[in-house]
Amino acid sequence: LDQGHDVLYYENIEGGHGGAANLK
């Protein structure tokens, strides 16, 4: 972003290494 590129980002505030803590 600082370099001027367009990127998207999503951080699950929980979830562990699988990225999601439950099925929802």
PDB file of all heavy atoms in Angstrom:
ATOM      1  N   LEU A   1       0.826  -1.204   0.000  1.00  0.00           N
ATOM      2  CA  LEU A   1       0.000   0.000   0.000  1.00  0.00           C
ATOM      3  C   LEU A   1       0.863   1.258   0.000  1.00  0.00           C
ATOM      4  O   LEU A   1       0.573   2.231  -0.705  1.00  0.00           O
ATOM      5  CB  LEU A   1      -0.927  -0.011   1.218  1.00  0.00           C
ATOM      6  CG  LEU A   1      -2.074  -1.031   1.200  1.00  0.00           C
ATOM      7  CD1 LEU A   1      -2.782  -1.048   2.550  1.00  0.00           C
ATOM      8  CD2 LEU A   1      -3.061  -0.727   0.080  1.00  0.00           C
ATOM      9  N   ASP A   2       1.931   1.239   0.771  1.00  0.00           N
ATOM     10  CA  ASP A   2       2.849   2.375   0.835  1.00  0.00           C
ATOM     11  C   ASP A   2       3.517   2.621  -0.514  1.00  0.00           C
ATOM     12  O   ASP A   2       3.837   3.763  -0.856  1.00  0.00           O
ATOM     13  CB  ASP A   2       3.899   2.115   1.913  1.00  0.00           C
ATOM     14  CG  ASP A   2       4.799   3.318   2.151  1.00  0.00           C
ATOM     15  OD1 ASP A   2       4.261   4.389   2.495  1.00  0.00           O
ATOM     16  OD2 ASP A   2       6.031   3.191   1.984  1.00  0.00           O
ATOM     17  N   GLN A   3       3.711   1.548  -1.276  1.00  0.00           N
ATOM     18  CA  GLN A   3       4.316   1.661  -2.609  1.00  0.00           C
ATOM     19  C   GLN A   3       3.300   2.087  -3.663  1.00  0.00           C
ATOM     20  O   GLN A   3       3.679   2.326  -4.818  1.00  0.00           O
ATOM     21  CB  GLN A   3       4.947   0.328  -3.022  1.00  0.00           C
ATOM     22  CG  GLN A   3       6.168  -0.057  -2.209  1.00  0.00           C
ATOM     23  CD  GLN A   3       6.694  -1.447  -2.572  1.00  0.00           C
ATOM     24  OE1 GLN A   3       5.995  -2.250  -3.174  1.00  0.00           O
ATOM     25  NE2 GLN A   3       7.937  -1.722  -2.194  1.00  0.00           N
ATOM     26  N   GLY A   4       2.027   2.142  -3.274  1.00  0.00           N
ATOM     27  CA  GLY A   4       1.004   2.582  -4.219  1.00  0.00           C
ATOM     28  C   GLY A   4       0.245   1.467  -4.901  1.00  0.00           C
ATOM     29  O   GLY A   4      -0.538   1.729  -5.831  1.00  0.00           O
ATOM     30  N   HIS A   5       0.418   0.215  -4.451  1.00  0.00           N
ATOM     31  CA  HIS A   5      -0.291  -0.907  -5.063  1.00  0.00           C
ATOM     32  C   HIS A   5      -1.682  -1.057  -4.459  1.00  0.00           C
ATOM     33  O   HIS A   5      -1.923  -0.701  -3.292  1.00  0.00           O
ATOM     34  CB  HIS A   5       0.493  -2.203  -4.857  1.00  0.00           C
ATOM     35  CG  HIS A   5       1.881  -2.165  -5.433  1.00  0.00           C
ATOM     36  ND1 HIS A   5       2.117  -2.031  -6.775  1.00  0.00           N
ATOM     37  CD2 HIS A   5       3.103  -2.237  -4.830  1.00  0.00           C
ATOM     38  CE1 HIS A   5       3.430  -2.026  -6.988  1.00  0.00           C
ATOM     39  NE2 HIS A   5       4.051  -2.144  -5.820  1.00  0.00           N
ATOM     40  N   ASP A   6      -2.585  -1.606  -5.246  1.00  0.00           N
ATOM     41  CA  ASP A   6      -3.948  -1.863  -4.795  1.00  0.00           C
ATOM     42  C   ASP A   6      -4.023  -3.314  -4.322  1.00  0.00           C
ATOM     43  O   ASP A   6      -3.872  -4.243  -5.124  1.00  0.00           O
ATOM     44  CB  ASP A   6      -4.924  -1.628  -5.953  1.00  0.00           C
ATOM     45  CG  ASP A   6      -6.373  -1.739  -5.528  1.00  0.00           C
ATOM     46  OD1 ASP A   6      -6.636  -1.824  -4.311  1.00  0.00           O
ATOM     47  OD2 ASP A   6      -7.246  -1.765  -6.421  1.00  0.00           O
ATOM     48  N   VAL A   7      -4.227  -3.522  -3.030  1.00  0.00           N
ATOM     49  CA  VAL A   7      -4.314  -4.874  -2.476  1.00  0.00           C
ATOM     50  C   VAL A   7      -5.491  -4.957  -1.515  1.00  0.00           C
ATOM     51  O   VAL A   7      -5.969  -3.938  -1.003  1.00  0.00           O
ATOM     52  CB  VAL A   7      -3.015  -5.284  -1.728  1.00  0.00           C
ATOM     53  CG1 VAL A   7      -1.836  -5.345  -2.675  1.00  0.00           C
ATOM     54  CG2 VAL A   7      -2.734  -4.333  -0.578  1.00  0.00           C
ATOM     55  N   LEU A   8      -5.946  -6.184  -1.273  1.00  0.00           N
ATOM     56  CA  LEU A   8      -7.033  -6.450  -0.342  1.00  0.00           C
ATOM     57  C   LEU A   8      -6.508  -7.269   0.823  1.00  0.00           C
ATOM     58  O   LEU A   8      -5.555  -8.047   0.663  1.00  0.00           O
ATOM     59  CB  LEU A   8      -8.164  -7.202  -1.043  1.00  0.00           C
ATOM     60  CG  LEU A   8      -8.876  -6.438  -2.162  1.00  0.00           C
ATOM     61  CD1 LEU A   8      -9.776  -7.377  -2.958  1.00  0.00           C
ATOM     62  CD2 LEU A   8      -9.664  -5.266  -1.602  1.00  0.00           C
ATOM     63  N   TYR A   9      -7.142  -7.109   1.977  1.00  0.00           N
ATOM     64  CA  TYR A   9      -6.644  -7.762   3.192  1.00  0.00           C
ATOM     65  C   TYR A   9      -7.809  -8.103   4.101  1.00  0.00           C
ATOM     66  O   TYR A   9      -8.730  -7.302   4.293  1.00  0.00           O
ATOM     67  CB  TYR A   9      -5.685  -6.821   3.924  1.00  0.00           C
ATOM     68  CG  TYR A   9      -5.092  -7.374   5.209  1.00  0.00           C
ATOM     69  CD1 TYR A   9      -3.973  -8.194   5.176  1.00  0.00           C
ATOM     70  CD2 TYR A   9      -5.654  -7.041   6.444  1.00  0.00           C
ATOM     71  CE1 TYR A   9      -3.415  -8.680   6.357  1.00  0.00           C
ATOM     72  CE2 TYR A   9      -5.101  -7.524   7.626  1.00  0.00           C
ATOM     73  CZ  TYR A   9      -3.984  -8.346   7.572  1.00  0.00           C
ATOM     74  OH  TYR A   9      -3.442  -8.833   8.738  1.00  0.00           O
ATOM     75  N   TYR A  10      -7.756  -9.327   4.650  1.00  0.00           N
ATOM     76  CA  TYR A  10      -8.733  -9.709   5.668  1.00  0.00           C
ATOM     77  C   TYR A  10      -8.029 -10.493   6.766  1.00  0.00           C
ATOM     78  O   TYR A  10      -7.365 -11.499   6.488  1.00  0.00           O
ATOM     79  CB  TYR A  10      -9.858 -10.563   5.079  1.00  0.00           C
ATOM     80  CG  TYR A  10     -10.806 -11.076   6.146  1.00  0.00           C
ATOM     81  CD1 TYR A  10     -11.611 -10.192   6.863  1.00  0.00           C
ATOM     82  CD2 TYR A  10     -10.859 -12.428   6.459  1.00  0.00           C
ATOM     83  CE1 TYR A  10     -12.467 -10.646   7.858  1.00  0.00           C
ATOM     84  CE2 TYR A  10     -11.710 -12.889   7.451  1.00  0.00           C
ATOM     85  CZ  TYR A  10     -12.513 -12.002   8.147  1.00  0.00           C
ATOM     86  OH  TYR A  10     -13.346 -12.452   9.137  1.00  0.00           O
ATOM     87  N   GLU A  11      -8.155 -10.019   7.997  1.00  0.00           N
ATOM     88  CA  GLU A  11      -7.574 -10.704   9.148  1.00  0.00           C
ATOM     89  C   GLU A  11      -8.696 -11.154  10.069  1.00  0.00           C
ATOM     90  O   GLU A  11      -9.424 -10.325  10.634  1.00  0.00           O
ATOM     91  CB  GLU A  11      -6.619  -9.775   9.895  1.00  0.00           C
ATOM     92  CG  GLU A  11      -5.996 -10.424  11.135  1.00  0.00           C
ATOM     93  CD  GLU A  11      -4.896  -9.583  11.761  1.00  0.00           C
ATOM     94  OE1 GLU A  11      -4.187  -8.864  11.004  1.00  0.00           O
ATOM     95  OE2 GLU A  11      -4.739  -9.638  12.996  1.00  0.00           O
ATOM     96  N   ASN A  12      -8.839 -12.461  10.213  1.00  0.00           N
ATOM     97  CA  ASN A  12      -9.798 -12.992  11.167  1.00  0.00           C
ATOM     98  C   ASN A  12      -9.215 -12.806  12.565  1.00  0.00           C
ATOM     99  O   ASN A  12      -8.097 -13.247  12.840  1.00  0.00           O
ATOM    100  CB  ASN A  12     -10.056 -14.477  10.879  1.00  0.00           C
ATOM    101  CG  ASN A  12     -11.205 -15.038  11.681  1.00  0.00           C
ATOM    102  OD1 ASN A  12     -11.866 -14.312  12.419  1.00  0.00           O
ATOM    103  ND2 ASN A  12     -11.442 -16.320  11.546  1.00  0.00           N
ATOM    104  N   ILE A  13      -9.943 -12.169  13.447  1.00  0.00           N
ATOM    105  CA  ILE A  13      -9.406 -11.861  14.771  1.00  0.00           C
ATOM    106  C   ILE A  13      -9.248 -13.129  15.604  1.00  0.00           C
ATOM    107  O   ILE A  13      -8.617 -13.136  16.646  1.00  0.00           O
ATOM    108  CB  ILE A  13     -10.290 -10.820  15.487  1.00  0.00           C
ATOM    109  CG1 ILE A  13     -10.432  -9.575  14.590  1.00  0.00           C
ATOM    110  CG2 ILE A  13      -9.695 -10.397  16.818  1.00  0.00           C
ATOM    111  CD1 ILE A  13      -9.108  -8.929  14.192  1.00  0.00           C
ATOM    112  N   GLU A  14      -9.813 -14.242  15.156  1.00  0.00           N
ATOM    113  CA  GLU A  14      -9.512 -15.550  15.734  1.00  0.00           C
ATOM    114  C   GLU A  14      -9.358 -16.517  14.571  1.00  0.00           C
ATOM    115  O   GLU A  14      -9.444 -16.121  13.417  1.00  0.00           O
ATOM    116  CB  GLU A  14     -10.636 -15.999  16.675  1.00  0.00           C
ATOM    117  CG  GLU A  14     -12.012 -16.020  16.056  1.00  0.00           C
ATOM    118  CD  GLU A  14     -13.078 -16.302  17.093  1.00  0.00           C
ATOM    119  OE1 GLU A  14     -13.190 -15.554  18.063  1.00  0.00           O
ATOM    120  OE2 GLU A  14     -13.784 -17.288  16.908  1.00  0.00           O
ATOM    121  N   GLY A  15      -9.073 -17.790  14.854  1.00  0.00           N
ATOM    122  CA  GLY A  15      -9.043 -18.722  13.740  1.00  0.00           C
ATOM    123  C   GLY A  15      -7.836 -19.629  13.664  1.00  0.00           C
ATOM    124  O   GLY A  15      -7.894 -20.659  13.010  1.00  0.00           O
ATOM    125  N   GLY A  16      -6.706 -19.281  14.315  1.00  0.00           N
ATOM    126  CA  GLY A  16      -5.547 -20.161  14.270  1.00  0.00           C
ATOM    127  C   GLY A  16      -4.944 -20.246  12.882  1.00  0.00           C
ATOM    128  O   GLY A  16      -5.247 -19.451  11.994  1.00  0.00           O
ATOM    129  N   HIS A  17      -4.080 -21.263  12.677  1.00  0.00           N
ATOM    130  CA  HIS A  17      -3.352 -21.370  11.421  1.00  0.00           C
ATOM    131  C   HIS A  17      -4.257 -21.758  10.263  1.00  0.00           C
ATOM    132  O   HIS A  17      -3.922 -21.527   9.109  1.00  0.00           O
ATOM    133  CB  HIS A  17      -2.206 -22.369  11.559  1.00  0.00           C
ATOM    134  CG  HIS A  17      -1.290 -22.375  10.370  1.00  0.00           C
ATOM    135  ND1 HIS A  17      -0.725 -21.219   9.860  1.00  0.00           N
ATOM    136  CD2 HIS A  17      -0.861 -23.391   9.571  1.00  0.00           C
ATOM    137  CE1 HIS A  17       0.025 -21.532   8.817  1.00  0.00           C
ATOM    138  NE2 HIS A  17      -0.049 -22.828   8.617  1.00  0.00           N
ATOM    139  N   GLY A  18      -5.421 -22.353  10.557  1.00  0.00           N
ATOM    140  CA  GLY A  18      -6.355 -22.667   9.488  1.00  0.00           C
ATOM    141  C   GLY A  18      -7.076 -21.441   8.957  1.00  0.00           C
ATOM    142  O   GLY A  18      -7.743 -21.513   7.924  1.00  0.00           O
ATOM    143  N   GLY A  19      -6.957 -20.310   9.660  1.00  0.00           N
ATOM    144  CA  GLY A  19      -7.565 -19.075   9.204  1.00  0.00           C
ATOM    145  C   GLY A  19      -9.011 -18.906   9.613  1.00  0.00           C
ATOM    146  O   GLY A  19      -9.578 -17.832   9.473  1.00  0.00           O
ATOM    147  N   ALA A  20      -9.661 -19.969  10.115  1.00  0.00           N
ATOM    148  CA  ALA A  20     -11.054 -19.895  10.543  1.00  0.00           C
ATOM    149  C   ALA A  20     -11.234 -20.837  11.726  1.00  0.00           C
ATOM    150  O   ALA A  20     -10.777 -21.979  11.698  1.00  0.00           O
ATOM    151  CB  ALA A  20     -11.990 -20.289   9.404  1.00  0.00           C
ATOM    152  N   ALA A  21     -11.904 -20.351  12.779  1.00  0.00           N
ATOM    153  CA  ALA A  21     -12.034 -21.128  14.007  1.00  0.00           C
ATOM    154  C   ALA A  21     -13.250 -22.031  14.010  1.00  0.00           C
ATOM    155  O   ALA A  21     -13.340 -22.946  14.808  1.00  0.00           O
ATOM    156  CB  ALA A  21     -12.086 -20.183  15.212  1.00  0.00           C
ATOM    157  N   ASN A  22     -14.224 -21.768  13.116  1.00  0.00           N
ATOM    158  CA  ASN A  22     -15.410 -22.608  13.065  1.00  0.00           C
ATOM    159  C   ASN A  22     -15.971 -22.597  11.651  1.00  0.00           C
ATOM    160  O   ASN A  22     -15.461 -21.906  10.758  1.00  0.00           O
ATOM    161  CB  ASN A  22     -16.445 -22.160  14.099  1.00  0.00           C
ATOM    162  CG  ASN A  22     -16.854 -20.703  13.928  1.00  0.00           C
ATOM    163  OD1 ASN A  22     -17.247 -20.282  12.849  1.00  0.00           O
ATOM    164  ND2 ASN A  22     -16.746 -19.924  15.005  1.00  0.00           N
ATOM    165  N   LEU A  23     -17.045 -23.368  11.439  1.00  0.00           N
ATOM    166  CA  LEU A  23     -17.590 -23.538  10.099  1.00  0.00           C
ATOM    167  C   LEU A  23     -18.196 -22.251   9.558  1.00  0.00           C
ATOM    168  O   LEU A  23     -18.132 -21.985   8.353  1.00  0.00           O
ATOM    169  CB  LEU A  23     -18.627 -24.658  10.106  1.00  0.00           C
ATOM    170  CG  LEU A  23     -18.094 -26.048  10.499  1.00  0.00           C
ATOM    171  CD1 LEU A  23     -19.220 -27.058  10.543  1.00  0.00           C
ATOM    172  CD2 LEU A  23     -17.011 -26.503   9.534  1.00  0.00           C
ATOM    173  N   LYS A  24     -18.794 -21.431  10.426  1.00  0.00           N
ATOM    174  CA  LYS A  24     -19.359 -20.164   9.969  1.00  0.00           C
ATOM    175  C   LYS A  24     -18.267 -19.240   9.447  1.00  0.00           C
ATOM    176  O   LYS A  24     -18.428 -18.588   8.409  1.00  0.00           O
ATOM    177  CB  LYS A  24     -20.138 -19.500  11.105  1.00  0.00           C
ATOM    178  CG  LYS A  24     -21.456 -20.193  11.441  1.00  0.00           C
ATOM    179  CD  LYS A  24     -22.242 -19.419  12.490  1.00  0.00           C
ATOM    180  CE  LYS A  24     -23.587 -20.094  12.765  1.00  0.00           C
ATOM    181  NZ  LYS A  24     -24.376 -19.364  13.793  1.00  0.00           N
TER     182      LYS A  24
END
